[in-house]
Amino acid sequence: MWEDLKVLHRQNRDRHLIDLFAQDPDRAETYSIDGADLRLDLSKTQIDAPVLAALTALCDVSGLAARRAAMFSGEKINETEGRAVLHTALRRSDDSRVLVDGADVMPAVRETLDRMAAFAEAVRSGRLGGVGGSITDVVSIGIGGSDLGPVMATLALAPYSDGPRLHYVSNVDSAHIADTLKSLDPTRTLINVASKTFTTVETMTNARTARDWMVAGGGDPARQFSAISTALDLAAEFGIPADHVFGFSDWVGGRFSLWGPIGLPVMLAVGAGNFRAMLAGGEAMDRHFQTAPWARNLPVLLALVGLWHSHVCGYPSRAVLPYEQRLARLPAYLQQLEMESNGKSVAMDGSDVDGPTGAIVWGEPGTNGQHAFFQLLHQGTAVVPCEFIVGARGHEADLADHHRLLVANCLAQSQALMTGRGLEEARAKAAAAGFTGAELERQARHRVFPGNRPSVTLVYPQLTPAVLGQIVALYEHRVFAEGVILGINSFDQFGVELGKEIATSLGPLLAEGGSTAALDGSTAALIGYLREHGCCVV
């Protein structure tokens, strides 16, 4: 199948996107697909009917339909860790059963969601407050999947945020916790500690610092701490009462965990109703993913286009460009989702992977990026497929002119990437600027845009909780579909472990001093330099 796709690519590598529109006046409609409240426009890529047919054939060859059914039904598709993959159960609203090892997990899911809602309402209403009165601020301490999702969602849903102010601390760098706490009232702040095992080194280091700060300032950790953890004993030992602790099962991976207790800070900010609306949006995308044919299935098409670009065209990275300031953290969230899930070199059966796996995902919101890295996107030697994300309406109706300018820029950038600017037009512009002779030719060359650079555009009516849920679930299922087609496990992450293990061994050496003779030359030399400049030994 891959060879067939590479043949199609070689046959059409010099074909210009503009010509595809000239040949097919209905191309935009043909390659614009709707799912839930989202529209995905693939028309500015080299996808055509033969390419799409060859790509969708990958779904059948890889057994994507059976793998999808296995995931939703609770089978242990995370084979390397012997776990089910059921983040979708966290947003399931019907009365159906989902069995793991013969037990229905849904009653516990519903009970936990109801407990979260009751806790959030108590905090938001002031019934559960601190020593100094109602809670004005929440500091959520976590890292990785315990941080990126809630941070992204809290910012995205700012128009719906009518609860306490939310702050997030992830970095073990003392600056992060110190800068966050210094302006807060320790008697009116709730600290939320997100660590499933309650042993994550960075998180627990920050949590102890926050507890010390609260006690020194007259607050009460027994009232003003909550935890997202399954380690009730460790949370209790830390001083957090059981009714402030919310756990989730090992069938929810960290980077897929926004939908459950890890999303508690989001619920505290926007309320249980809006949080449930986000869950409903994710569930709507689940239904679309389960029922739409491959050629009209948004997550599958995103996966296939991504694989076309990375595996066939040879483009190793993709830029995610939300033209929505409140989605500023979406690229970082998707970095983890994609690169931690599919950045693998070993197939499910333990053999070496043949070809590339996870793409390099990066990006920033528009229009900021236009004044930074878009130079490379338009005129650089590397082709970077772009994913534009934009809403039809903003939330500030009295500032509609801002949104019109925002949308105009989004559409203009995707058009410019496609059409480019030829030498004749560039020469005319240089001549109009007053250049002549050899200098005219030189200046004209600098004004040429090669164009024919692919992009997709994801459009939605407005960034509501439901739409955010649809977007996040869309990308989750995209990553899953890519992984199945590539034959890898998207749900383990052993690659994050080695560095953590080495850091654990280096920590005591840095704190206590001692010989570095057993270390490699570079690490030993770096420790020597750091010690000379006042680091580490206490």
Protein backbone atom coordinates (compact mmCIF):
# COMPACT_ATOMS: atom_id res chain seq x y z
CA MET A 1 0.00 0.00 0.00
CA TRP A 2 2.76 2.43 0.89
CA GLU A 3 4.50 1.74 -2.41
CA ASP A 4 1.26 2.48 -4.28
CA LEU A 5 1.05 5.81 -2.47
CA LYS A 6 4.68 6.63 -3.26
CA VAL A 7 4.03 5.91 -6.93
CA LEU A 8 1.08 8.30 -6.90
CA HIS A 9 3.24 10.92 -5.24
CA ARG A 10 6.02 10.54 -7.81
CA GLN A 11 3.54 10.80 -10.65
CA ASN A 12 2.12 14.07 -9.32
CA ARG A 13 4.97 15.67 -7.38
CA ASP A 14 5.12 18.64 -9.78
CA ARG A 15 1.36 19.16 -9.88
CA HIS A 16 0.31 22.54 -8.49
CA LEU A 17 -2.57 22.82 -6.07
CA ILE A 18 -4.05 25.67 -8.11
CA ASP A 19 -4.36 23.29 -11.07
CA LEU A 20 -6.40 20.87 -8.97
CA PHE A 21 -8.98 23.59 -8.35
CA ALA A 22 -8.95 24.54 -12.04
CA GLN A 23 -9.59 20.92 -13.03
CA ASP A 24 -12.36 20.44 -10.46
CA PRO A 25 -14.54 23.48 -9.67
CA ASP A 26 -16.21 21.46 -6.89
CA ARG A 27 -12.94 20.48 -5.22
CA ALA A 28 -13.49 22.61 -2.11
CA GLU A 29 -16.88 21.02 -1.47
CA THR A 30 -15.67 17.50 -2.27
CA TYR A 31 -12.80 17.68 0.20
CA SER A 32 -14.59 19.55 2.98
CA ILE A 33 -15.99 17.12 5.53
CA ASP A 34 -18.38 17.82 8.40
CA GLY A 35 -18.48 16.02 11.73
CA ALA A 36 -20.44 17.17 14.77
CA ASP A 37 -19.95 20.97 14.71
CA LEU A 38 -16.62 20.91 12.88
CA ARG A 39 -15.69 21.27 9.23
CA LEU A 40 -12.36 19.99 7.93
CA ASP A 41 -11.13 21.38 4.60
CA LEU A 42 -8.52 19.15 2.95
CA SER A 43 -8.74 20.74 -0.50
CA LYS A 44 -5.41 22.58 -0.19
CA THR A 45 -3.46 19.30 -0.13
CA GLN A 46 -2.45 16.97 -2.95
CA ILE A 47 -5.17 14.52 -1.95
CA ASP A 48 -7.31 13.45 -4.91
CA ALA A 49 -9.60 10.48 -5.54
CA PRO A 50 -6.84 7.91 -6.28
CA VAL A 51 -4.75 9.08 -3.33
CA LEU A 52 -7.73 9.05 -0.99
CA ALA A 53 -8.68 5.55 -2.12
CA ALA A 54 -5.15 4.30 -1.49
CA LEU A 55 -5.02 6.00 1.90
CA THR A 56 -8.35 4.64 3.09
CA ALA A 57 -7.22 1.18 2.02
CA LEU A 58 -4.61 1.46 4.78
CA CYS A 59 -7.46 1.54 7.30
CA ASP A 60 -8.78 -1.79 6.11
CA VAL A 61 -5.37 -3.45 5.82
CA SER A 62 -4.40 -2.37 9.34
CA GLY A 63 -7.67 -3.56 10.89
CA LEU A 64 -8.58 -0.10 12.15
CA ALA A 65 -12.30 -0.89 12.50
CA ALA A 66 -11.67 -3.92 14.73
CA ARG A 67 -9.09 -2.04 16.78
CA ARG A 68 -11.49 0.87 17.22
CA ALA A 69 -14.24 -1.47 18.43
CA ALA A 70 -11.80 -3.14 20.82
CA MET A 71 -10.84 0.21 22.34
CA PHE A 72 -14.40 1.37 22.95
CA SER A 73 -15.43 -2.01 24.38
CA GLY A 74 -12.69 -2.11 27.01
CA GLU A 75 -10.32 -4.70 25.57
CA LYS A 76 -6.70 -4.35 26.68
CA ILE A 77 -5.33 -2.80 23.52
CA ASN A 78 -2.40 -1.29 25.44
CA GLU A 79 -0.69 -4.63 25.16
CA THR A 80 2.74 -3.70 26.49
CA GLU A 81 1.21 -2.63 29.81
CA GLY A 82 -1.77 -4.99 29.78
CA ARG A 83 -4.33 -2.20 30.05
CA ALA A 84 -7.58 -1.15 28.48
CA VAL A 85 -7.77 2.31 26.88
CA LEU A 86 -11.00 3.92 28.04
CA HIS A 87 -10.70 7.67 28.26
CA THR A 88 -13.82 7.62 26.06
CA ALA A 89 -15.74 6.08 28.99
CA LEU A 90 -15.16 9.25 31.00
CA ARG A 91 -17.37 11.20 28.59
CA ARG A 92 -19.99 8.52 27.98
CA SER A 93 -23.49 9.66 28.92
CA ASP A 94 -25.72 6.69 28.04
CA ASP A 95 -26.62 3.77 30.29
CA SER A 96 -24.56 1.18 28.44
CA ARG A 97 -22.04 -1.00 30.21
CA VAL A 98 -18.29 -1.02 29.57
CA LEU A 99 -16.55 -4.10 30.91
CA VAL A 100 -12.94 -4.40 32.02
CA ASP A 101 -12.02 -7.83 33.38
CA GLY A 102 -15.73 -8.59 33.52
CA ALA A 103 -16.66 -5.58 35.68
CA ASP A 104 -18.69 -2.61 34.48
CA VAL A 105 -16.60 0.54 34.97
CA MET A 106 -19.37 3.02 34.26
CA PRO A 107 -20.97 3.24 37.74
CA ALA A 108 -17.64 4.34 39.22
CA VAL A 109 -17.12 6.83 36.37
CA ARG A 110 -20.53 8.42 37.02
CA GLU A 111 -20.05 8.44 40.77
CA THR A 112 -16.67 10.17 40.47
CA LEU A 113 -18.06 12.78 38.10
CA ASP A 114 -20.89 13.51 40.52
CA ARG A 115 -18.41 13.82 43.42
CA MET A 116 -16.32 16.22 41.36
CA ALA A 117 -19.39 18.32 40.59
CA ALA A 118 -20.43 18.46 44.23
CA PHE A 119 -16.92 19.45 45.32
CA ALA A 120 -16.62 22.10 42.61
CA GLU A 121 -20.00 23.58 43.48
CA ALA A 122 -19.10 23.71 47.17
CA VAL A 123 -15.89 25.60 46.38
CA ARG A 124 -17.50 27.88 43.80
CA SER A 125 -20.43 28.76 46.08
CA GLY A 126 -18.24 29.45 49.08
CA ARG A 127 -19.66 26.61 51.18
CA LEU A 128 -16.20 25.07 51.17
CA GLY A 129 -13.74 27.83 51.89
CA GLY A 130 -10.44 28.51 53.54
CA VAL A 131 -9.50 29.94 56.90
CA GLY A 132 -9.88 33.45 55.51
CA GLY A 133 -13.19 32.98 53.70
CA SER A 134 -14.32 31.74 50.30
CA ILE A 135 -11.72 30.40 47.88
CA THR A 136 -10.50 33.09 45.50
CA ASP A 137 -7.69 31.15 43.81
CA VAL A 138 -6.89 27.57 42.90
CA VAL A 139 -3.33 26.40 42.26
CA SER A 140 -3.21 23.07 40.45
CA ILE A 141 0.13 21.29 40.70
CA GLY A 142 0.87 18.57 38.15
CA ILE A 143 3.06 17.83 35.17
CA GLY A 144 2.68 16.36 31.68
CA GLY A 145 -0.80 15.00 31.15
CA SER A 146 -1.81 16.26 34.58
CA ASP A 147 -1.06 19.81 33.50
CA LEU A 148 -1.17 20.37 29.73
CA GLY A 149 -4.80 19.41 29.24
CA PRO A 150 -6.29 21.43 32.11
CA VAL A 151 -4.11 24.45 31.30
CA MET A 152 -5.18 24.34 27.66
CA ALA A 153 -8.88 23.88 28.49
CA THR A 154 -8.97 26.54 31.21
CA LEU A 155 -7.58 29.13 28.81
CA ALA A 156 -9.84 27.96 25.98
CA LEU A 157 -12.97 28.31 28.13
CA ALA A 158 -12.10 31.68 29.66
CA PRO A 159 -15.43 33.24 28.56
CA TYR A 160 -17.22 30.65 30.70
CA SER A 161 -14.96 31.03 33.73
CA ASP A 162 -16.92 32.49 36.64
CA GLY A 163 -15.28 30.58 39.49
CA PRO A 164 -12.03 31.14 41.39
CA ARG A 165 -8.94 32.19 39.50
CA LEU A 166 -6.91 29.23 38.22
CA HIS A 167 -3.13 28.97 38.34
CA TYR A 168 -1.00 26.02 37.24
CA VAL A 169 2.43 24.91 38.42
CA SER A 170 4.28 22.16 36.56
CA ASN A 171 7.98 22.95 36.50
CA VAL A 172 10.10 21.86 39.46
CA ASP A 173 12.10 25.07 38.90
CA SER A 174 11.51 27.01 42.12
CA ALA A 175 10.65 30.08 40.08
CA HIS A 176 7.39 28.52 38.93
CA ILE A 177 5.95 27.83 42.39
CA ALA A 178 7.42 30.98 43.93
CA ASP A 179 6.11 33.33 41.24
CA THR A 180 2.68 31.70 41.39
CA LEU A 181 2.22 31.82 45.15
CA LYS A 182 3.73 35.21 45.95
CA SER A 183 0.60 37.24 45.14
CA LEU A 184 -1.95 34.81 46.62
CA ASP A 185 -3.62 34.66 50.03
CA PRO A 186 -2.71 31.37 51.74
CA THR A 187 -5.95 31.50 53.74
CA ARG A 188 -8.16 31.71 50.62
CA THR A 189 -6.28 29.48 48.17
CA LEU A 190 -7.06 25.88 47.28
CA ILE A 191 -4.09 23.73 46.27
CA ASN A 192 -4.88 20.80 43.97
CA VAL A 193 -2.21 18.10 43.64
CA ALA A 194 -2.54 15.99 40.49
CA SER A 195 -0.45 12.81 40.67
CA LYS A 196 -2.03 9.40 40.19
CA THR A 197 0.61 7.65 42.32
CA PHE A 198 1.23 10.65 44.59
CA THR A 199 4.93 10.04 44.03
CA THR A 200 5.74 12.14 40.94
CA VAL A 201 8.94 13.86 42.04
CA GLU A 202 8.37 17.27 40.47
CA THR A 203 4.74 17.42 41.56
CA MET A 204 5.33 16.32 45.14
CA THR A 205 8.28 18.68 45.56
CA ASN A 206 6.05 21.58 44.53
CA ALA A 207 3.19 20.27 46.68
CA ARG A 208 5.34 20.21 49.82
CA THR A 209 6.52 23.75 49.12
CA ALA A 210 2.90 24.87 48.69
CA ARG A 211 1.89 23.16 51.94
CA ASP A 212 4.70 24.88 53.83
CA TRP A 213 3.67 28.22 52.32
CA MET A 214 0.06 27.68 53.35
CA VAL A 215 0.88 26.69 56.92
CA ALA A 216 3.29 29.61 57.34
CA GLY A 217 0.59 31.97 56.09
CA GLY A 218 -2.15 30.74 58.41
CA GLY A 219 -4.02 28.50 55.97
CA ASP A 220 -5.27 25.00 56.68
CA PRO A 221 -4.11 22.23 54.32
CA ALA A 222 -6.76 19.86 55.68
CA ARG A 223 -9.42 22.21 54.29
CA GLN A 224 -7.54 23.82 51.44
CA PHE A 225 -5.91 20.90 49.61
CA SER A 226 -7.41 18.46 47.13
CA ALA A 227 -5.78 15.63 45.22
CA ILE A 228 -6.21 13.74 41.99
CA SER A 229 -4.76 10.39 42.93
CA THR A 230 -5.50 6.73 43.47
CA ALA A 231 -3.09 6.60 46.43
CA LEU A 232 -5.55 7.39 49.22
CA ASP A 233 -3.06 6.34 51.86
CA LEU A 234 -0.33 8.68 50.64
CA ALA A 235 -2.80 11.54 50.22
CA ALA A 236 -4.03 10.98 53.78
CA GLU A 237 -0.46 10.87 55.04
CA PHE A 238 0.11 14.20 53.30
CA GLY A 239 -2.90 15.61 55.19
CA ILE A 240 -5.60 15.59 52.51
CA PRO A 241 -8.97 14.15 53.62
CA ALA A 242 -10.49 11.31 51.60
CA ASP A 243 -13.48 13.38 50.48
CA HIS A 244 -11.05 15.80 48.78
CA VAL A 245 -9.37 13.02 46.78
CA PHE A 246 -10.52 11.91 43.33
CA GLY A 247 -9.02 8.87 41.64
CA PHE A 248 -9.05 7.34 38.18
CA SER A 249 -8.11 3.94 36.83
CA ASP A 250 -5.01 2.80 34.96
CA TRP A 251 -7.07 2.55 31.77
CA VAL A 252 -6.89 6.34 31.50
CA GLY A 253 -3.52 7.51 30.21
CA GLY A 254 -2.21 10.83 31.47
CA ARG A 255 -2.35 12.67 28.16
CA PHE A 256 -5.93 11.42 27.63
CA SER A 257 -7.14 12.27 31.13
CA LEU A 258 -8.68 15.74 30.79
CA TRP A 259 -12.19 14.23 30.81
CA GLY A 260 -12.09 12.93 34.38
CA PRO A 261 -10.66 14.01 37.74
CA ILE A 262 -7.60 15.58 36.09
CA GLY A 263 -10.12 18.09 34.68
CA LEU A 264 -11.29 19.10 38.18
CA PRO A 265 -9.53 22.51 37.98
CA VAL A 266 -11.41 23.21 34.74
CA MET A 267 -14.69 22.34 36.49
CA LEU A 268 -13.78 24.66 39.36
CA ALA A 269 -13.29 27.48 36.86
CA VAL A 270 -16.29 27.00 34.56
CA GLY A 271 -18.74 24.95 36.61
CA ALA A 272 -20.07 21.42 36.28
CA GLY A 273 -22.58 22.32 33.56
CA ASN A 274 -19.96 23.65 31.18
CA PHE A 275 -17.62 20.78 32.02
CA ARG A 276 -20.36 18.29 31.16
CA ALA A 277 -20.94 20.18 27.90
CA MET A 278 -17.27 19.62 27.07
CA LEU A 279 -17.74 15.91 27.78
CA ALA A 280 -20.79 15.88 25.51
CA GLY A 281 -18.73 17.43 22.73
CA GLY A 282 -16.12 14.72 23.09
CA GLU A 283 -18.83 12.07 23.04
CA ALA A 284 -20.29 13.55 19.85
CA MET A 285 -16.90 13.15 18.18
CA ASP A 286 -16.72 9.58 19.52
CA ARG A 287 -19.97 8.78 17.73
CA HIS A 288 -18.74 10.38 14.52
CA PHE A 289 -15.48 8.43 14.71
CA GLN A 290 -17.35 5.18 15.26
CA THR A 291 -19.94 5.60 12.51
CA ALA A 292 -18.64 7.76 9.65
CA PRO A 293 -17.08 5.97 6.64
CA TRP A 294 -13.32 6.38 6.32
CA ALA A 295 -13.57 8.93 3.50
CA ARG A 296 -15.90 11.16 5.59
CA ASN A 297 -14.42 10.51 9.02
CA LEU A 298 -12.66 13.56 10.45
CA PRO A 299 -10.17 11.85 12.80
CA VAL A 300 -9.33 9.23 10.20
CA LEU A 301 -8.85 11.81 7.47
CA LEU A 302 -6.60 13.92 9.67
CA ALA A 303 -4.57 10.79 10.38
CA LEU A 304 -4.39 9.81 6.71
CA VAL A 305 -3.39 13.28 5.53
CA GLY A 306 -0.74 13.40 8.26
CA LEU A 307 0.63 10.03 7.17
CA TRP A 308 0.54 11.10 3.52
CA HIS A 309 2.65 14.12 4.34
CA SER A 310 5.11 12.41 6.71
CA HIS A 311 5.48 8.95 5.17
CA VAL A 312 4.92 9.58 1.48
CA CYS A 313 5.85 13.19 0.83
CA GLY A 314 8.70 13.17 3.36
CA TYR A 315 7.63 16.17 5.45
CA PRO A 316 8.76 15.36 9.01
CA SER A 317 6.92 18.08 10.92
CA ARG A 318 3.55 19.79 11.01
CA ALA A 319 2.57 23.21 12.32
CA VAL A 320 -0.64 23.63 14.32
CA LEU A 321 -1.84 27.21 13.94
CA PRO A 322 -4.94 28.11 15.95
CA TYR A 323 -6.34 31.50 14.97
CA GLU A 324 -7.93 31.67 18.40
CA GLN A 325 -5.87 33.19 21.18
CA ARG A 326 -7.65 31.10 23.77
CA LEU A 327 -6.26 27.99 22.05
CA ALA A 328 -2.72 29.25 22.61
CA ARG A 329 -1.77 26.10 24.53
CA LEU A 330 -3.35 23.69 22.05
CA PRO A 331 -0.11 23.19 20.06
CA ALA A 332 1.76 22.24 23.25
CA TYR A 333 -1.07 19.91 24.26
CA LEU A 334 -0.99 18.26 20.83
CA GLN A 335 2.79 17.98 20.99
CA GLN A 336 2.46 15.65 23.94
CA LEU A 337 -0.58 13.85 22.52
CA GLU A 338 1.17 13.08 19.24
CA MET A 339 4.83 12.78 20.14
CA GLU A 340 4.47 10.87 23.41
CA SER A 341 1.90 8.55 21.83
CA ASN A 342 3.45 7.83 18.44
CA GLY A 343 7.11 8.68 18.85
CA LYS A 344 8.07 5.02 18.75
CA SER A 345 10.69 2.93 16.96
CA VAL A 346 9.33 -0.50 17.86
CA ALA A 347 6.17 -2.05 16.43
CA MET A 348 3.49 -3.71 18.53
CA ASP A 349 5.08 -7.13 17.92
CA GLY A 350 8.51 -5.96 19.15
CA SER A 351 10.09 -5.62 15.70
CA ASP A 352 11.76 -2.49 14.42
CA VAL A 353 9.44 0.01 12.80
CA ASP A 354 9.92 0.34 9.05
CA GLY A 355 9.80 4.07 8.35
CA PRO A 356 9.03 7.18 10.37
CA THR A 357 6.42 7.28 13.13
CA GLY A 358 5.20 10.33 15.04
CA ALA A 359 5.50 13.68 13.31
CA ILE A 360 7.21 16.63 14.97
CA VAL A 361 4.32 18.84 16.08
CA TRP A 362 4.78 22.51 16.85
CA GLY A 363 3.00 25.82 16.49
CA GLU A 364 1.73 29.07 17.93
CA PRO A 365 -1.46 31.07 17.64
CA GLY A 366 -2.04 33.32 14.66
CA THR A 367 -1.47 36.14 14.09
CA ASN A 368 1.63 36.09 16.34
CA GLY A 369 3.26 33.33 14.32
CA GLN A 370 2.99 35.37 11.12
CA HIS A 371 5.55 37.75 12.58
CA ALA A 372 7.85 34.94 13.68
CA PHE A 373 8.20 31.64 11.80
CA PHE A 374 5.86 32.13 8.83
CA GLN A 375 8.88 33.36 6.87
CA LEU A 376 10.14 29.79 6.89
CA LEU A 377 6.69 28.38 6.08
CA HIS A 378 6.42 30.54 2.96
CA GLN A 379 9.95 30.81 1.65
CA GLY A 380 12.08 28.27 3.54
CA THR A 381 13.56 25.19 1.93
CA ALA A 382 11.62 22.83 4.21
CA VAL A 383 7.96 22.20 3.42
CA VAL A 384 5.87 22.19 6.61
CA PRO A 385 2.22 21.13 6.27
CA CYS A 386 0.05 23.50 8.27
CA GLU A 387 -3.15 22.94 10.21
CA PHE A 388 -5.15 26.15 10.52
CA ILE A 389 -7.86 26.24 13.20
CA VAL A 390 -10.41 29.06 13.30
CA GLY A 391 -13.89 29.87 14.55
CA ALA A 392 -16.60 31.71 12.67
CA ARG A 393 -17.41 33.88 15.70
CA GLY A 394 -15.51 35.18 18.68
CA HIS A 395 -16.99 35.86 22.10
CA GLU A 396 -16.48 39.62 22.07
CA ALA A 397 -19.39 40.83 19.94
CA ASP A 398 -18.44 44.47 20.52
CA LEU A 399 -15.01 43.78 19.00
CA ALA A 400 -16.18 42.04 15.84
CA ASP A 401 -13.70 44.00 13.73
CA HIS A 402 -10.87 42.21 15.54
CA HIS A 403 -12.34 38.84 14.65
CA ARG A 404 -12.86 39.77 11.00
CA LEU A 405 -9.20 40.74 10.77
CA LEU A 406 -8.19 37.52 12.52
CA VAL A 407 -10.19 35.33 10.14
CA ALA A 408 -8.97 37.30 7.12
CA ASN A 409 -5.39 36.61 8.16
CA CYS A 410 -6.07 32.89 8.63
CA LEU A 411 -7.64 32.52 5.20
CA ALA A 412 -4.97 34.69 3.59
CA GLN A 413 -2.12 32.61 5.00
CA SER A 414 -3.51 29.31 3.75
CA GLN A 415 -4.21 30.87 0.37
CA ALA A 416 -0.72 32.35 0.16
CA LEU A 417 0.90 29.03 1.04
CA MET A 418 -1.03 27.45 -1.80
CA THR A 419 -0.80 30.08 -4.54
CA GLY A 420 2.59 31.62 -3.83
CA ARG A 421 3.93 34.40 -6.05
CA GLY A 422 5.74 33.79 -9.33
CA LEU A 423 8.79 35.59 -10.66
CA GLU A 424 6.85 37.81 -13.08
CA GLU A 425 4.64 39.19 -10.34
CA ALA A 426 7.63 39.56 -8.05
CA ARG A 427 9.50 41.42 -10.81
CA ALA A 428 6.58 43.80 -11.24
CA LYS A 429 6.52 44.52 -7.52
CA ALA A 430 10.25 45.16 -7.45
CA ALA A 431 9.95 47.47 -10.45
CA ALA A 432 7.12 49.37 -8.75
CA ALA A 433 9.45 49.84 -5.78
CA GLY A 434 11.92 51.61 -8.10
CA PHE A 435 14.47 48.90 -8.82
CA THR A 436 15.98 48.55 -12.31
CA GLY A 437 18.49 46.45 -14.22
CA ALA A 438 20.42 43.73 -12.42
CA GLU A 439 19.23 44.98 -9.05
CA LEU A 440 15.64 44.56 -10.22
CA GLU A 441 16.30 40.90 -10.96
CA ARG A 442 18.04 40.35 -7.66
CA GLN A 443 15.27 42.01 -5.68
CA ALA A 444 12.59 40.14 -7.61
CA ARG A 445 14.10 36.81 -6.65
CA HIS A 446 13.77 37.70 -2.97
CA ARG A 447 10.06 38.39 -3.48
CA VAL A 448 9.18 35.02 -5.04
CA PHE A 449 6.98 32.68 -3.00
CA PRO A 450 7.13 29.09 -4.28
CA GLY A 451 3.59 28.27 -3.15
CA ASN A 452 2.13 24.79 -3.61
CA ARG A 453 2.56 24.22 0.12
CA PRO A 454 -0.14 22.07 1.73
CA SER A 455 -2.47 23.02 4.55
CA VAL A 456 -5.73 21.90 6.08
CA THR A 457 -8.24 24.13 7.82
CA LEU A 458 -10.47 23.17 10.74
CA VAL A 459 -13.46 25.50 11.17
CA TYR A 460 -16.12 25.66 13.89
CA PRO A 461 -18.96 28.05 14.72
CA GLN A 462 -17.58 29.31 18.07
CA LEU A 463 -15.23 28.02 20.75
CA THR A 464 -17.78 26.68 23.23
CA PRO A 465 -17.24 23.90 25.79
CA ALA A 466 -18.88 21.42 23.41
CA VAL A 467 -16.72 22.50 20.47
CA LEU A 468 -13.57 22.28 22.60
CA GLY A 469 -14.55 18.73 23.52
CA GLN A 470 -15.00 17.89 19.86
CA ILE A 471 -11.60 19.32 18.93
CA VAL A 472 -9.74 17.45 21.67
CA ALA A 473 -11.50 14.14 20.90
CA LEU A 474 -10.83 14.68 17.19
CA TYR A 475 -7.10 14.83 17.79
CA GLU A 476 -7.15 11.94 20.27
CA HIS A 477 -8.75 9.68 17.69
CA ARG A 478 -6.41 10.97 14.99
CA VAL A 479 -3.43 9.83 17.06
CA PHE A 480 -5.08 6.46 17.70
CA ALA A 481 -5.80 5.91 14.01
CA GLU A 482 -2.23 6.82 13.05
CA GLY A 483 -0.87 4.39 15.60
CA VAL A 484 -3.04 1.52 14.40
CA ILE A 485 -2.08 2.10 10.76
CA LEU A 486 1.61 2.23 11.72
CA GLY A 487 1.32 -0.90 13.88
CA ILE A 488 2.59 0.77 17.08
CA ASN A 489 1.20 1.14 20.59
CA SER A 490 0.04 4.73 21.08
CA PHE A 491 -0.71 4.23 24.77
CA ASP A 492 2.59 3.50 26.49
CA GLN A 493 5.42 5.98 26.98
CA PHE A 494 8.53 4.15 28.11
CA GLY A 495 10.61 6.85 26.42
CA VAL A 496 10.01 9.23 29.32
CA GLU A 497 11.45 6.84 31.91
CA LEU A 498 15.21 6.66 31.34
CA GLY A 499 15.92 10.34 31.94
CA LYS A 500 13.79 10.27 35.10
CA GLU A 501 15.72 7.25 36.39
CA ILE A 502 19.06 8.96 35.81
CA ALA A 503 17.81 12.18 37.44
CA THR A 504 16.86 10.17 40.53
CA SER A 505 20.42 8.85 40.80
CA LEU A 506 21.97 12.27 40.20
CA GLY A 507 19.82 14.06 42.78
CA PRO A 508 21.64 12.79 45.88
CA LEU A 509 25.01 13.34 44.23
CA LEU A 510 24.10 16.98 43.58
CA ALA A 511 22.75 17.49 47.10
CA GLU A 512 25.49 15.72 49.02
CA GLY A 513 28.56 16.23 46.87
CA GLY A 514 30.94 13.35 46.37
CA SER A 515 32.87 11.83 43.53
CA THR A 516 31.68 12.07 39.94
CA ALA A 517 34.24 9.54 38.70
CA ALA A 518 31.59 7.00 37.75
CA LEU A 519 29.80 9.45 35.45
CA ASP A 520 30.53 10.14 31.80
CA GLY A 521 33.01 12.92 31.15
CA SER A 522 30.46 15.47 30.00
CA THR A 523 28.08 15.06 32.96
CA ALA A 524 30.97 15.10 35.44
CA ALA A 525 32.39 18.28 33.90
CA LEU A 526 29.00 20.00 33.94
CA ILE A 527 28.52 19.15 37.62
CA GLY A 528 31.97 20.53 38.32
CA TYR A 529 31.12 23.81 36.63
CA LEU A 530 27.80 24.08 38.44
CA ARG A 531 29.41 23.44 41.81
CA GLU A 532 32.02 26.12 41.15
CA HIS A 533 29.21 28.59 40.59
CA GLY A 534 27.27 27.81 43.75
CA CYS A 535 24.86 25.12 42.61
CA CYS A 536 23.57 22.04 44.24
CA VAL A 537 25.41 21.15 47.45
CA VAL A 538 23.47 22.31 50.51
